[in-house]
Amino acid sequence: MRPAESVRIDVRALNNGDRAYCVSGVNLAPLSRAFEELTMKYIATAHHLLCNLGRDKRGVSAVEYALLAALIALAIIGAVTTFGTNLSGIFTKVGGSI
């Protein structure tokens, strides 16, 4: 087995204030700038989506209608299971008297 090669990381300040990252003599400055730009785009997109999430009210009414429909369905199911046999007898009496 070969022993692991040592990796040297140098950080050098450039004239424009940026930092240049060098790993064993390979300049990583373009890579770090691209990564920084990608990260900033990701943060800006996430911020935009979160801000618009609070402004969009169209989904609220749809959720309210769905909850109202579910509540009505539960009320109908509860009434039918509770009064189902009694309603059958009442309808039979009403039909017989007509």
Protein backbone atom coordinates (compact mmCIF):
# COMPACT_ATOMS: atom_id res chain seq x y z
CA MET A 1 0.00 0.00 0.00
CA ARG A 2 1.15 3.51 -0.78
CA PRO A 3 1.09 6.02 2.03
CA ALA A 4 -1.47 8.77 1.61
CA GLU A 5 -0.14 11.83 -0.13
CA SER A 6 -0.25 14.99 1.87
CA VAL A 7 -2.64 17.64 0.59
CA ARG A 8 -1.65 21.23 1.02
CA ILE A 9 -4.37 23.88 1.06
CA ASP A 10 -3.31 27.49 0.63
CA VAL A 11 -5.62 30.47 0.88
CA ARG A 12 -4.26 33.55 -0.81
CA ALA A 13 -5.80 37.00 -0.91
CA LEU A 14 -6.12 38.42 -4.39
CA ASN A 15 -5.84 42.10 -5.35
CA ASN A 16 -9.61 42.53 -5.72
CA GLY A 17 -10.33 41.18 -2.22
CA ASP A 18 -11.34 37.68 -3.32
CA ARG A 19 -9.65 34.63 -1.92
CA ALA A 20 -7.93 32.04 -4.08
CA TYR A 21 -8.03 28.46 -2.83
CA CYS A 22 -5.19 26.22 -3.94
CA VAL A 23 -5.03 22.52 -3.17
CA SER A 24 -1.60 21.05 -3.90
CA GLY A 25 -0.96 23.72 -6.49
CA VAL A 26 -4.38 23.51 -8.23
CA ASN A 27 -6.29 26.80 -8.21
CA LEU A 28 -9.86 26.31 -6.99
CA ALA A 29 -10.93 29.97 -7.24
CA PRO A 30 -13.15 29.48 -10.32
CA LEU A 31 -14.81 26.50 -8.66
CA SER A 32 -15.45 28.37 -5.42
CA ARG A 33 -16.90 31.36 -7.32
CA ALA A 34 -19.23 29.07 -9.27
CA PHE A 35 -20.31 27.35 -6.07
CA GLU A 36 -20.90 30.72 -4.39
CA GLU A 37 -23.00 31.91 -7.34
CA LEU A 38 -25.04 28.70 -7.32
CA THR A 39 -25.61 28.99 -3.57
CA MET A 40 -26.79 32.60 -3.91
CA LYS A 41 -29.21 31.61 -6.69
CA TYR A 42 -30.57 28.82 -4.48
CA ILE A 43 -31.05 31.19 -1.54
CA ALA A 44 -32.75 33.81 -3.75
CA THR A 45 -35.11 31.20 -5.20
CA ALA A 46 -36.00 29.83 -1.77
CA HIS A 47 -36.62 33.37 -0.48
CA HIS A 48 -38.84 34.16 -3.47
CA LEU A 49 -40.90 30.98 -2.99
CA LEU A 50 -41.36 31.57 0.74
CA CYS A 51 -42.42 35.18 0.22
CA ASN A 52 -44.96 34.20 -2.44
CA LEU A 53 -46.31 31.39 -0.29
CA GLY A 54 -47.67 33.90 2.21
CA ARG A 55 -49.25 36.05 -0.51
CA ASP A 56 -51.11 33.34 -2.42
CA LYS A 57 -54.60 32.96 -0.94
CA ARG A 58 -56.17 30.79 -3.65
CA GLY A 59 -55.41 27.53 -1.86
CA VAL A 60 -57.03 28.71 1.37
CA SER A 61 -60.55 28.74 -0.07
CA ALA A 62 -60.03 25.31 -1.64
CA VAL A 63 -58.98 23.90 1.73
CA GLU A 64 -62.00 25.51 3.41
CA TYR A 65 -64.37 23.97 0.83
CA ALA A 66 -62.76 20.56 1.28
CA LEU A 67 -63.12 20.75 5.06
CA LEU A 68 -66.75 21.85 4.73
CA ALA A 69 -67.52 18.98 2.33
CA ALA A 70 -65.86 16.48 4.69
CA LEU A 71 -67.87 17.82 7.64
CA ILE A 72 -71.15 17.53 5.69
CA ALA A 73 -70.24 13.99 4.60
CA LEU A 74 -69.52 13.00 8.21
CA ALA A 75 -72.85 14.48 9.33
CA ILE A 76 -74.74 12.55 6.64
CA ILE A 77 -72.95 9.29 7.48
CA GLY A 78 -73.63 9.80 11.18
CA ALA A 79 -77.32 10.55 10.59
CA VAL A 80 -77.82 7.57 8.29
CA THR A 81 -76.12 5.10 10.64
CA THR A 82 -77.99 6.44 13.67
CA PHE A 83 -81.45 6.86 12.17
CA GLY A 84 -81.22 4.43 9.26
CA THR A 85 -83.52 1.73 10.62
CA ASN A 86 -85.95 4.26 12.13
CA LEU A 87 -86.20 6.18 8.84
CA SER A 88 -87.10 3.00 7.01
CA GLY A 89 -90.02 2.46 9.38
CA ILE A 90 -91.14 6.10 9.11
CA PHE A 91 -91.07 6.02 5.30
CA THR A 92 -93.06 2.77 5.35
CA LYS A 93 -95.74 4.37 7.59
CA VAL A 94 -95.89 7.52 5.44
CA GLY A 95 -96.13 5.46 2.26
CA GLY A 96 -98.87 3.30 3.76
CA SER A 97 -100.93 6.27 4.92
CA ILE A 98 -100.80 7.94 1.49
